[in-house]
Amino acid sequence: MVLHALPATAGSLLDIALPPACAGCGEEGSTLCRRCGLALKGRLELPPGVPLGLPAAIPMPLAQLEWCAPFTGAVRAALHQLKYSGERRLSAPLGAAMAARWRAVGAGGDLLVPVPVHAERARQRGYDQAALLAAETSAGLAVPWAAVLVRTRHTRPQFELGRRARCVNVSGAFALACQAQEVLIRGKWVVLVDDVATTGSTLVACAEALHGAGALAVSALTVARER
């Protein structure tokens, strides 16, 4: 597996063929206009940690969990377009927001690792949205990223399940793509990258796989968090 340092250019030809429109309000000219993009900066100046009112502070064994915005409004619309409508260009503003949040409050990190979708789902979409976000976040932080994890079995979409069932659904569902990748993980502080965190069950399952491969610590960074 190649250790990535810079994101692939995404969307330049698409910009010519299909001019972008804001995911939040539909205004033409950008995938997320300046006004709607402000939603991604709502937590930028807040200290690290979890506000009162959210269930479970930081799910073990994560060392830190950070996100840019609540999973509502323009942010929710942008993530839905990225995941389900093929709008890969949204990974640029979303990844930039993630990098800004982590620069402000991140406690550390040697390597970014995207939370993988199942290979079949990635083939259907043509991409893995977490990998796109990791590439953009990597560029903003100057921290390398590597897609070292794979989802070993199909799991039900987490939004279809209750809090307890989500843990069971993803337990043991992640592993290193190959044993040779342990060299990238062992002794490193890994930051998981994903689009949305809710209970943290998926992040915890990934963190357990990374700790099993010798990671020193595992944190997590997402675009949004759902209450």
Protein backbone atom coordinates (compact mmCIF):
# COMPACT_ATOMS: atom_id res chain seq x y z
CA MET A 1 0.00 0.00 0.00
CA VAL A 2 1.38 3.38 -0.99
CA LEU A 3 1.72 6.05 1.66
CA HIS A 4 0.00 9.12 0.27
CA ALA A 5 1.24 12.64 0.84
CA LEU A 6 -0.86 14.69 -1.56
CA PRO A 7 -4.45 14.33 -2.79
CA ALA A 8 -5.29 13.43 -6.34
CA THR A 9 -6.77 16.28 -8.35
CA ALA A 10 -10.51 15.70 -8.38
CA GLY A 11 -13.08 17.51 -10.40
CA SER A 12 -11.07 19.75 -12.76
CA LEU A 13 -12.53 18.20 -15.90
CA LEU A 14 -15.92 17.93 -14.23
CA ASP A 15 -15.86 21.68 -13.52
CA ILE A 16 -15.72 22.28 -17.25
CA ALA A 17 -18.37 19.74 -18.20
CA LEU A 18 -20.72 20.42 -15.29
CA PRO A 19 -20.28 23.74 -13.41
CA PRO A 20 -20.70 23.27 -9.65
CA ALA A 21 -23.68 24.38 -7.60
CA CYS A 22 -23.77 24.86 -3.84
CA ALA A 23 -24.96 21.77 -1.97
CA GLY A 24 -26.63 23.97 0.61
CA CYS A 25 -28.55 26.57 -1.41
CA GLY A 26 -28.07 25.66 -5.07
CA GLU A 27 -26.21 28.84 -5.98
CA GLU A 28 -24.01 28.25 -9.02
CA GLY A 29 -20.27 28.78 -8.95
CA SER A 30 -18.99 26.48 -6.20
CA THR A 31 -19.91 23.20 -4.55
CA LEU A 32 -20.34 25.03 -1.24
CA CYS A 33 -20.85 28.78 -1.33
CA ARG A 34 -19.23 31.10 1.19
CA ARG A 35 -22.47 31.61 3.12
CA CYS A 36 -23.26 27.88 3.44
CA GLY A 37 -19.61 27.11 4.07
CA LEU A 38 -19.77 29.11 7.29
CA ALA A 39 -21.59 26.14 8.82
CA LEU A 40 -18.30 24.22 8.70
CA LYS A 41 -16.61 26.85 10.85
CA GLY A 42 -19.10 26.88 13.71
CA ARG A 43 -16.86 24.85 16.02
CA LEU A 44 -13.52 26.17 14.76
CA GLU A 45 -12.91 28.40 17.78
CA LEU A 46 -14.31 26.00 20.37
CA PRO A 47 -11.93 24.13 22.67
CA PRO A 48 -11.43 20.40 22.15
CA GLY A 49 -13.82 17.99 23.76
CA VAL A 50 -17.48 17.07 23.69
CA PRO A 51 -20.17 19.63 24.61
CA LEU A 52 -22.66 18.78 27.31
CA GLY A 53 -25.74 17.07 25.94
CA LEU A 54 -23.99 14.65 23.60
CA PRO A 55 -24.12 11.00 24.69
CA ALA A 56 -20.78 9.39 25.57
CA ALA A 57 -17.80 11.69 25.75
CA ILE A 58 -15.00 9.96 23.84
CA PRO A 59 -15.61 6.28 23.13
CA MET A 60 -12.70 4.08 24.18
CA PRO A 61 -10.10 3.38 22.93
CA LEU A 62 -10.07 6.69 21.01
CA ALA A 63 -7.65 9.24 22.43
CA GLN A 64 -9.56 12.16 20.88
CA LEU A 65 -12.66 12.70 18.77
CA GLU A 66 -13.16 15.97 16.89
CA TRP A 67 -15.58 17.18 14.25
CA CYS A 68 -16.33 20.39 12.36
CA ALA A 69 -20.08 20.83 12.63
CA PRO A 70 -23.39 19.24 13.61
CA PHE A 71 -24.91 16.91 11.02
CA THR A 72 -27.58 19.36 9.93
CA GLY A 73 -28.42 21.89 7.20
CA ALA A 74 -25.84 22.63 4.54
CA VAL A 75 -23.30 20.25 6.10
CA ARG A 76 -25.73 17.34 5.97
CA ALA A 77 -26.69 18.22 2.38
CA ALA A 78 -23.03 18.41 1.35
CA LEU A 79 -22.21 15.03 2.87
CA HIS A 80 -25.21 13.42 1.20
CA GLN A 81 -24.14 14.80 -2.18
CA LEU A 82 -20.59 13.57 -1.62
CA LYS A 83 -21.70 10.07 -0.60
CA TYR A 84 -24.74 9.42 -2.74
CA SER A 85 -24.74 11.86 -5.68
CA GLY A 86 -21.18 11.50 -6.92
CA GLU A 87 -20.20 15.09 -6.11
CA ARG A 88 -16.55 14.37 -5.35
CA ARG A 89 -15.62 18.02 -5.59
CA LEU A 90 -17.15 18.57 -2.16
CA SER A 91 -14.23 16.69 -0.63
CA ALA A 92 -12.10 19.84 -1.10
CA PRO A 93 -14.03 22.28 1.14
CA LEU A 94 -14.96 19.53 3.60
CA GLY A 95 -11.37 18.31 3.86
CA ALA A 96 -10.10 21.87 4.27
CA ALA A 97 -12.50 22.38 7.18
CA MET A 98 -11.32 19.15 8.80
CA ALA A 99 -7.70 20.24 8.50
CA ALA A 100 -8.51 23.62 10.05
CA ARG A 101 -10.27 22.01 13.01
CA TRP A 102 -7.43 19.57 13.62
CA ARG A 103 -4.80 22.29 13.39
CA ALA A 104 -6.71 24.19 16.08
CA VAL A 105 -7.34 21.38 18.58
CA GLY A 106 -5.66 18.15 17.46
CA ALA A 107 -3.39 16.66 20.10
CA GLY A 108 -1.15 14.82 17.64
CA GLY A 109 -1.03 12.55 14.64
CA ASP A 110 1.55 10.87 12.40
CA LEU A 111 -0.75 9.29 9.84
CA LEU A 112 -4.31 9.79 8.59
CA VAL A 113 -6.31 6.64 7.89
CA PRO A 114 -9.75 6.73 6.23
CA VAL A 115 -12.56 4.56 7.57
CA PRO A 116 -13.22 2.29 4.58
CA VAL A 117 -16.51 1.40 2.96
CA HIS A 118 -16.88 -2.17 1.77
CA ALA A 119 -15.11 -2.84 -1.54
CA GLU A 120 -18.39 -3.61 -3.28
CA ARG A 121 -19.91 -0.32 -2.17
CA ALA A 122 -16.80 1.54 -3.31
CA ARG A 123 -17.10 -0.12 -6.72
CA GLN A 124 -20.74 0.90 -6.98
CA ARG A 125 -19.98 4.53 -6.12
CA GLY A 126 -16.70 4.65 -7.99
CA TYR A 127 -14.84 5.96 -4.94
CA ASP A 128 -14.59 5.88 -1.15
CA GLN A 129 -15.67 9.24 0.28
CA ALA A 130 -13.53 8.87 3.42
CA ALA A 131 -10.42 8.37 1.25
CA LEU A 132 -11.24 11.58 -0.63
CA LEU A 133 -11.61 13.43 2.67
CA ALA A 134 -8.36 11.96 3.99
CA ALA A 135 -6.50 13.11 0.87
CA GLU A 136 -7.75 16.67 1.21
CA THR A 137 -7.16 16.77 4.96
CA SER A 138 -3.67 15.39 4.38
CA ALA A 139 -2.88 18.28 2.03
CA GLY A 140 -4.12 20.82 4.57
CA LEU A 141 -2.13 19.35 7.45
CA ALA A 142 0.96 18.14 5.57
CA VAL A 143 0.44 14.78 7.28
CA PRO A 144 0.54 11.64 5.09
CA TRP A 145 -2.43 9.34 4.69
CA ALA A 146 -2.75 5.69 3.81
CA ALA A 147 -5.77 3.48 3.15
CA VAL A 148 -4.50 0.63 5.29
CA LEU A 149 -7.85 -0.67 6.56
CA VAL A 150 -10.44 -2.79 4.76
CA ARG A 151 -13.98 -3.67 5.74
CA THR A 152 -13.92 -7.46 5.94
CA ARG A 153 -17.66 -8.02 5.63
CA HIS A 154 -20.81 -6.26 4.59
CA THR A 155 -22.48 -4.37 7.42
CA ARG A 156 -25.89 -2.75 7.56
CA PRO A 157 -25.92 1.05 7.29
CA GLN A 158 -25.47 2.34 10.83
CA PHE A 159 -28.28 4.89 10.52
CA GLU A 160 -30.75 1.98 10.26
CA LEU A 161 -29.80 0.67 13.72
CA GLY A 162 -30.15 1.61 17.35
CA ARG A 163 -27.19 2.54 19.54
CA ARG A 164 -26.54 -0.95 20.94
CA ALA A 165 -27.05 -2.71 17.59
CA ARG A 166 -24.50 -0.43 15.92
CA CYS A 167 -21.71 -1.81 18.12
CA VAL A 168 -22.60 -5.39 17.20
CA ASN A 169 -22.97 -4.49 13.52
CA VAL A 170 -19.35 -3.31 13.08
CA SER A 171 -17.57 -5.35 15.74
CA GLY A 172 -14.61 -7.11 14.12
CA ALA A 173 -15.53 -5.74 10.69
CA PHE A 174 -12.17 -4.04 10.01
CA ALA A 175 -8.64 -5.30 9.47
CA LEU A 176 -5.39 -4.32 7.80
CA ALA A 177 -5.50 -4.78 4.04
CA CYS A 178 -2.25 -6.77 4.33
CA GLN A 179 0.18 -7.59 7.12
CA ALA A 180 2.97 -5.66 5.40
CA GLN A 181 1.15 -2.46 6.33
CA GLU A 182 1.99 -2.94 9.99
CA VAL A 183 5.19 -1.04 9.27
CA LEU A 184 3.09 2.06 8.59
CA ILE A 185 1.11 1.68 11.81
CA ARG A 186 3.43 0.35 14.49
CA GLY A 187 4.42 3.00 16.99
CA LYS A 188 2.43 5.73 15.16
CA TRP A 189 -0.29 8.07 16.33
CA VAL A 190 -3.09 7.42 13.84
CA VAL A 191 -5.96 9.79 13.12
CA LEU A 192 -9.02 8.10 11.64
CA VAL A 193 -10.92 10.15 9.05
CA ASP A 194 -14.63 9.72 8.30
CA ASP A 195 -17.62 11.75 7.21
CA VAL A 196 -19.99 11.44 10.21
CA ALA A 197 -19.72 10.18 13.78
CA THR A 198 -22.78 9.22 15.79
CA THR A 199 -22.18 6.69 18.56
CA GLY A 200 -18.56 6.19 17.50
CA SER A 201 -19.02 2.42 17.09
CA THR A 202 -17.42 2.35 13.63
CA LEU A 203 -14.48 4.47 14.78
CA VAL A 204 -13.99 2.22 17.81
CA ALA A 205 -13.96 -0.92 15.62
CA CYS A 206 -11.33 0.67 13.37
CA ALA A 207 -9.28 1.82 16.36
CA GLU A 208 -9.25 -1.71 17.77
CA ALA A 209 -7.88 -3.05 14.48
CA LEU A 210 -5.17 -0.34 14.43
CA HIS A 211 -4.18 -0.97 18.05
CA GLY A 212 -3.94 -4.64 17.18
CA ALA A 213 -1.44 -3.69 14.47
CA GLY A 214 0.69 -1.80 16.96
CA ALA A 215 -0.58 1.78 16.76
CA LEU A 216 0.66 3.94 19.64
CA ALA A 217 -2.62 5.88 19.82
CA VAL A 218 -5.72 6.39 17.69
CA SER A 219 -7.75 9.58 17.43
CA ALA A 220 -10.60 10.42 15.07
CA LEU A 221 -11.68 13.39 12.97
CA THR A 222 -14.97 13.73 11.08
CA VAL A 223 -16.77 16.40 9.15
CA ALA A 224 -19.89 16.15 11.31
CA ARG A 225 -21.32 14.56 14.40
CA GLU A 226 -24.91 13.48 14.75
CA ARG A 227 -26.63 13.69 18.12
